[in-house]
C-alpha atoms as a PDB file:
ATOM      1  CA  MET A   1      -7.472   4.277  21.655  1.00  0.00           C
ATOM      2  CA  ARG A   2      -7.832   7.583  19.869  1.00  0.00           C
ATOM      3  CA  ILE A   3      -6.544   8.361  16.402  1.00  0.00           C
ATOM      4  CA  SER A   4      -3.656  10.428  17.811  1.00  0.00           C
ATOM      5  CA  GLU A   5      -2.257   7.354  19.573  1.00  0.00           C
ATOM      6  CA  VAL A   6      -2.580   5.268  16.399  1.00  0.00           C
ATOM      7  CA  VAL A   7      -0.692   7.989  14.516  1.00  0.00           C
ATOM      8  CA  GLU A   8       2.054   7.917  17.122  1.00  0.00           C
ATOM      9  CA  ARG A   9       2.319   4.129  17.294  1.00  0.00           C
ATOM     10  CA  SER A  10       1.998   3.388  13.575  1.00  0.00           C
ATOM     11  CA  GLY A  11       3.717   6.435  12.086  1.00  0.00           C
ATOM     12  CA  VAL A  12       0.810   6.854   9.660  1.00  0.00           C
ATOM     13  CA  PRO A  13      -0.800  10.331   9.470  1.00  0.00           C
ATOM     14  CA  ALA A  14      -4.425  10.714  10.587  1.00  0.00           C
ATOM     15  CA  ARG A  15      -5.559  11.698   7.083  1.00  0.00           C
ATOM     16  CA  LEU A  16      -4.282   8.362   5.758  1.00  0.00           C
ATOM     17  CA  LEU A  17      -6.044   6.470   8.528  1.00  0.00           C
ATOM     18  CA  ARG A  18      -9.299   8.194   7.522  1.00  0.00           C
ATOM     19  CA  TYR A  19      -8.543   7.412   3.861  1.00  0.00           C
ATOM     20  CA  TYR A  20      -8.006   3.730   4.680  1.00  0.00           C
ATOM     21  CA  GLU A  21     -11.369   3.780   6.399  1.00  0.00           C
ATOM     22  CA  GLU A  22     -13.013   5.407   3.343  1.00  0.00           C
ATOM     23  CA  GLN A  23     -11.482   2.688   1.158  1.00  0.00           C
ATOM     24  CA  GLY A  24     -12.890  -0.086   3.362  1.00  0.00           C
ATOM     25  CA  LEU A  25      -9.469  -1.194   4.580  1.00  0.00           C
ATOM     26  CA  LEU A  26      -9.865  -0.155   8.198  1.00  0.00           C
ATOM     27  CA  ASN A  27     -13.038  -0.192  10.277  1.00  0.00           C
ATOM     28  CA  PRO A  28     -12.472   1.269  13.737  1.00  0.00           C
ATOM     29  CA  LEU A  29     -15.296   1.206  16.222  1.00  0.00           C
ATOM     30  CA  ARG A  30     -17.161   4.437  16.913  1.00  0.00           C
ATOM     31  CA  ASN A  31     -17.954   5.538  20.435  1.00  0.00           C
ATOM     32  CA  PRO A  32     -21.314   7.195  21.237  1.00  0.00           C
ATOM     33  CA  SER A  33     -19.918  10.668  20.531  1.00  0.00           C
ATOM     34  CA  GLY A  34     -18.767   9.542  17.071  1.00  0.00           C
ATOM     35  CA  TYR A  35     -15.032   9.440  17.749  1.00  0.00           C
ATOM     36  CA  ARG A  36     -13.076   6.569  16.272  1.00  0.00           C
ATOM     37  CA  ASP A  37     -11.911   3.981  18.782  1.00  0.00           C
ATOM     38  CA  TYR A  38      -8.949   1.907  17.580  1.00  0.00           C
ATOM     39  CA  THR A  39      -7.541  -1.344  18.933  1.00  0.00           C
ATOM     40  CA  ASP A  40      -4.083  -2.913  18.862  1.00  0.00           C
ATOM     41  CA  GLN A  41      -5.360  -5.111  16.010  1.00  0.00           C
ATOM     42  CA  ASP A  42      -6.119  -1.963  14.014  1.00  0.00           C
ATOM     43  CA  ILE A  43      -2.514  -0.842  14.416  1.00  0.00           C
ATOM     44  CA  GLU A  44      -1.323  -4.211  13.110  1.00  0.00           C
ATOM     45  CA  LEU A  45      -3.772  -3.900  10.214  1.00  0.00           C
ATOM     46  CA  VAL A  46      -2.404  -0.429   9.396  1.00  0.00           C
ATOM     47  CA  ARG A  47       1.093  -1.910   9.295  1.00  0.00           C
ATOM     48  CA  ARG A  48      -0.104  -4.615   6.880  1.00  0.00           C
ATOM     49  CA  ILE A  49      -1.785  -2.009   4.697  1.00  0.00           C
ATOM     50  CA  ARG A  50       1.428   0.050   4.603  1.00  0.00           C
ATOM     51  CA  HIS A  51       3.458  -3.034   3.740  1.00  0.00           C
ATOM     52  CA  LEU A  52       1.147  -3.860   0.825  1.00  0.00           C
ATOM     53  CA  LEU A  53       1.095  -0.264  -0.399  1.00  0.00           C
ATOM     54  CA  ASP A  54       4.890  -0.210  -0.253  1.00  0.00           C
ATOM     55  CA  ALA A  55       4.867  -3.385  -2.354  1.00  0.00           C
ATOM     56  CA  GLY A  56       2.975  -1.477  -5.059  1.00  0.00           C
ATOM     57  CA  LEU A  57      -0.542  -2.808  -4.543  1.00  0.00           C
ATOM     58  CA  ARG A  58      -3.499  -0.487  -5.010  1.00  0.00           C
ATOM     59  CA  THR A  59      -6.045   0.006  -2.245  1.00  0.00           C
ATOM     60  CA  ALA A  60      -8.740  -1.811  -4.244  1.00  0.00           C
ATOM     61  CA  THR A  61      -6.484  -4.859  -4.467  1.00  0.00           C
ATOM     62  CA  ILE A  62      -5.489  -4.589  -0.817  1.00  0.00           C
ATOM     63  CA  ARG A  63      -9.156  -4.631   0.175  1.00  0.00           C
ATOM     64  CA  THR A  64      -9.544  -8.032  -1.467  1.00  0.00           C
ATOM     65  CA  VAL A  65      -6.276  -9.589  -0.285  1.00  0.00           C
ATOM     66  CA  LEU A  66      -6.221  -8.430   3.351  1.00  0.00           C
ATOM     67  CA  PRO A  67      -8.636 -11.122   4.574  1.00  0.00           C
ATOM     68  CA  CYS A  68      -6.416 -13.744   2.934  1.00  0.00           C
ATOM     69  CA  LEU A  69      -3.170 -12.780   4.649  1.00  0.00           C
ATOM     70  CA  THR A  70      -1.699 -13.746   7.971  1.00  0.00           C
ATOM     71  CA  GLN A  71       1.521 -12.905   9.736  1.00  0.00           C
ATOM     72  CA  GLN A  72       4.044 -15.775   9.885  1.00  0.00           C
ATOM     73  CA  ALA A  73       7.571 -15.358  11.208  1.00  0.00           C
ATOM     74  CA  GLY A  74       7.372 -11.598  10.729  1.00  0.00           C
ATOM     75  CA  ARG A  75       6.199 -11.848   7.108  1.00  0.00           C
ATOM     76  CA  LEU A  76       2.837 -11.709   5.405  1.00  0.00           C
ATOM     77  CA  ALA A  77       1.732 -15.096   4.110  1.00  0.00           C
ATOM     78  CA  PRO A  78      -1.335 -16.086   2.065  1.00  0.00           C
ATOM     79  CA  ILE A  79      -4.000 -18.326   3.596  1.00  0.00           C
ATOM     80  CA  CYS A  80      -6.417 -18.385   0.628  1.00  0.00           C
ATOM     81  CA  THR A  81      -5.602 -20.458  -2.459  1.00  0.00           C
ATOM     82  CA  ASP A  82      -6.949 -17.847  -4.903  1.00  0.00           C
ATOM     83  CA  LEU A  83      -4.682 -15.177  -3.491  1.00  0.00           C
ATOM     84  CA  ILE A  84      -1.546 -16.495  -5.201  1.00  0.00           C
ATOM     85  CA  GLU A  85      -3.085 -16.017  -8.657  1.00  0.00           C
ATOM     86  CA  ASP A  86      -4.328 -12.534  -7.740  1.00  0.00           C
ATOM     87  CA  LEU A  87      -0.851 -11.591  -6.554  1.00  0.00           C
ATOM     88  CA  LYS A  88       0.735 -13.007  -9.713  1.00  0.00           C
ATOM     89  CA  ARG A  89      -1.553 -10.733 -11.774  1.00  0.00           C
ATOM     90  CA  GLU A  90      -0.500  -7.776  -9.635  1.00  0.00           C
ATOM     91  CA  GLN A  91       3.135  -8.729 -10.105  1.00  0.00           C
ATOM     92  CA  ILE A  92       2.648  -8.725 -13.894  1.00  0.00           C
ATOM     93  CA  ARG A  93       0.971  -5.290 -13.697  1.00  0.00           C
ATOM     94  CA  ILE A  94       3.845  -3.904 -11.634  1.00  0.00           C
ATOM     95  CA  GLU A  95       6.449  -5.378 -13.989  1.00  0.00           C
ATOM     96  CA  ALA A  96       4.671  -3.737 -16.943  1.00  0.00           C
ATOM     97  CA  SER A  97       4.793  -0.408 -15.095  1.00  0.00           C
ATOM     98  CA  ILE A  98       8.504  -0.879 -14.459  1.00  0.00           C
ATOM     99  CA  ASP A  99       9.087  -1.619 -18.153  1.00  0.00           C
ATOM    100  CA  ALA A 100       7.186   1.543 -19.133  1.00  0.00           C
ATOM    101  CA  LEU A 101       9.186   3.634 -16.667  1.00  0.00           C
ATOM    102  CA  GLU A 102      12.457   2.180 -17.960  1.00  0.00           C
ATOM    103  CA  GLN A 103      11.454   3.098 -21.529  1.00  0.00           C
ATOM    104  CA  SER A 104      10.627   6.642 -20.388  1.00  0.00           C
ATOM    105  CA  ARG A 105      13.960   6.897 -18.591  1.00  0.00           C
ATOM    106  CA  ASP A 106      15.806   5.671 -21.679  1.00  0.00           C
ATOM    107  CA  ALA A 107      13.998   8.178 -23.921  1.00  0.00           C
ATOM    108  CA  ILE A 108      14.890  11.042 -21.596  1.00  0.00           C
ATOM    109  CA  GLU A 109      18.474   9.809 -21.435  1.00  0.00           C
ATOM    110  CA  GLU A 110      18.676   9.924 -25.248  1.00  0.00           C
ATOM    111  CA  VAL A 111      17.400  13.501 -25.320  1.00  0.00           C
ATOM    112  CA  ILE A 112      19.886  14.532 -22.647  1.00  0.00           C
ATOM    113  CA  ALA A 113      22.732  12.822 -24.504  1.00  0.00           C
ATOM    114  CA  ALA A 114      21.770  14.569 -27.740  1.00  0.00           C
ATOM    115  CA  GLY A 115      21.717  17.920 -25.910  1.00  0.00           C
ATOM    116  CA  VAL A 116      25.178  17.404 -24.490  1.00  0.00           C
ATOM    117  CA  SER A 117      26.714  17.253 -27.951  1.00  0.00           C
ATOM    118  CA  VAL A 118      25.039  20.493 -29.101  1.00  0.00           C
ATOM    119  CA  PRO A 119      27.452  23.440 -28.933  1.00  0.00           C
ATOM    120  CA  GLY A 120      26.163  25.989 -26.440  1.00  0.00           C
END
Protein backbone atom coordinates (compact mmCIF):
# COMPACT_ATOMS: atom_id res chain seq x y z
CA MET A 1 0.00 0.00 0.00
CA ARG A 2 1.09 3.57 -0.58
CA ILE A 3 2.11 6.02 2.12
CA SER A 4 -1.20 7.90 1.83
CA GLU A 5 -3.12 4.78 2.90
CA VAL A 6 -0.76 4.23 5.84
CA VAL A 7 -1.34 7.84 6.88
CA GLU A 8 -5.08 7.31 6.72
CA ARG A 9 -5.08 3.98 8.56
CA SER A 10 -2.50 4.84 11.23
CA GLY A 11 -3.21 8.53 11.76
CA VAL A 12 0.52 9.26 11.54
CA PRO A 13 1.61 12.01 9.10
CA ALA A 14 3.76 11.03 6.11
CA ARG A 15 6.70 13.12 7.35
CA LEU A 16 6.78 11.05 10.56
CA LEU A 17 6.65 7.81 8.59
CA ARG A 18 9.69 9.00 6.60
CA TYR A 19 11.38 10.04 9.86
CA TYR A 20 10.77 6.59 11.37
CA GLU A 21 12.38 5.13 8.28
CA GLU A 22 15.40 7.47 8.63
CA GLN A 23 15.75 6.36 12.26
CA GLY A 24 15.76 2.68 11.30
CA LEU A 25 12.41 1.98 12.95
CA LEU A 26 10.44 1.27 9.79
CA ASN A 27 11.68 -0.38 6.61
CA PRO A 28 9.01 -0.44 3.91
CA LEU A 29 9.74 -2.20 0.67
CA ARG A 30 10.52 -0.09 -2.39
CA ASN A 31 8.92 -0.80 -5.73
CA PRO A 32 10.94 -0.47 -8.96
CA SER A 33 9.97 3.19 -9.35
CA GLY A 34 11.26 3.94 -5.83
CA TYR A 35 7.91 4.43 -4.12
CA ARG A 36 7.50 2.99 -0.65
CA ASP A 37 5.28 -0.07 -0.45
CA TYR A 38 3.84 -0.69 3.03
CA THR A 39 2.18 -3.79 4.46
CA ASP A 40 -0.37 -4.33 7.22
CA GLN A 41 2.56 -5.34 9.46
CA ASP A 42 4.10 -1.91 8.87
CA ILE A 43 0.91 -0.27 10.11
CA GLU A 44 1.05 -2.39 13.27
CA LEU A 45 4.72 -1.46 13.68
CA VAL A 46 3.84 2.25 13.35
CA ARG A 47 1.26 1.80 16.11
CA ARG A 48 3.90 0.18 18.34
CA ILE A 49 6.34 3.00 17.62
CA ARG A 50 3.68 5.58 18.52
CA HIS A 51 2.86 3.72 21.72
CA LEU A 52 6.53 3.70 22.76
CA LEU A 53 7.00 7.35 21.85
CA ASP A 54 3.91 8.21 23.88
CA ALA A 55 5.48 6.32 26.78
CA GLY A 56 8.45 8.70 26.62
CA LEU A 57 11.03 6.50 24.91
CA ARG A 58 13.45 8.05 22.44
CA THR A 59 13.74 6.72 18.91
CA ALA A 60 17.24 5.35 19.58
CA THR A 61 15.85 3.30 22.46
CA ILE A 62 12.83 2.22 20.45
CA ARG A 63 15.13 0.91 17.72
CA THR A 64 16.72 -1.46 20.22
CA VAL A 65 13.55 -2.57 22.02
CA LEU A 66 11.20 -3.08 19.05
CA PRO A 67 12.60 -6.52 18.14
CA CYS A 68 12.06 -7.60 21.75
CA LEU A 69 8.37 -6.74 21.98
CA THR A 70 5.28 -8.65 21.04
CA GLN A 71 1.59 -7.91 21.28
CA GLN A 72 -0.25 -9.91 23.98
CA ALA A 73 -3.88 -9.29 24.89
CA GLY A 74 -3.75 -5.84 23.32
CA ARG A 75 -0.60 -4.79 25.20
CA LEU A 76 3.08 -4.73 24.37
CA ALA A 77 5.02 -7.40 26.23
CA PRO A 78 8.77 -8.11 26.33
CA ILE A 79 10.14 -11.34 24.85
CA CYS A 80 13.86 -10.69 25.51
CA THR A 81 15.26 -11.01 29.03
CA ASP A 82 17.59 -8.00 28.67
CA LEU A 83 14.71 -5.74 27.73
CA ILE A 84 13.38 -5.44 31.29
CA GLU A 85 16.66 -3.91 32.51
CA ASP A 86 16.79 -1.54 29.53
CA LEU A 87 13.24 -0.41 30.26
CA LYS A 88 14.03 0.06 33.96
CA ARG A 89 16.89 2.39 32.97
CA GLU A 90 14.51 4.32 30.72
CA GLN A 91 12.00 4.52 33.55
CA ILE A 92 14.69 6.02 35.82
CA ARG A 93 15.60 8.56 33.10
CA ILE A 94 11.96 9.56 32.69
CA GLU A 95 11.46 9.87 36.45
CA ALA A 96 14.52 12.15 36.65
CA SER A 97 13.02 14.31 33.89
CA ILE A 98 9.74 14.49 35.80
CA ASP A 99 11.58 15.54 38.96
CA ALA A 100 13.41 18.28 37.04
CA LEU A 101 10.16 19.53 35.52
CA GLU A 102 8.48 19.56 38.94
CA GLN A 103 11.36 21.65 40.33
CA SER A 104 11.02 24.08 37.41
CA ARG A 105 7.28 24.31 37.97
CA ASP A 106 7.80 24.97 41.68
CA ALA A 107 10.37 27.70 40.97
CA ILE A 108 8.01 29.43 38.55
CA GLU A 109 5.19 29.11 41.06
CA GLU A 110 7.33 30.87 43.69
CA VAL A 111 8.08 33.74 41.31
CA ILE A 112 4.41 34.08 40.44
CA ALA A 113 3.43 34.03 44.11
CA ALA A 114 6.01 36.71 44.91
CA GLY A 115 4.65 38.86 42.06
CA VAL A 116 1.10 38.61 43.31
CA SER A 117 2.00 40.30 46.58
CA VAL A 118 3.75 43.23 44.87
CA PRO A 119 1.49 46.30 44.72
CA GLY A 120 0.78 47.18 41.10
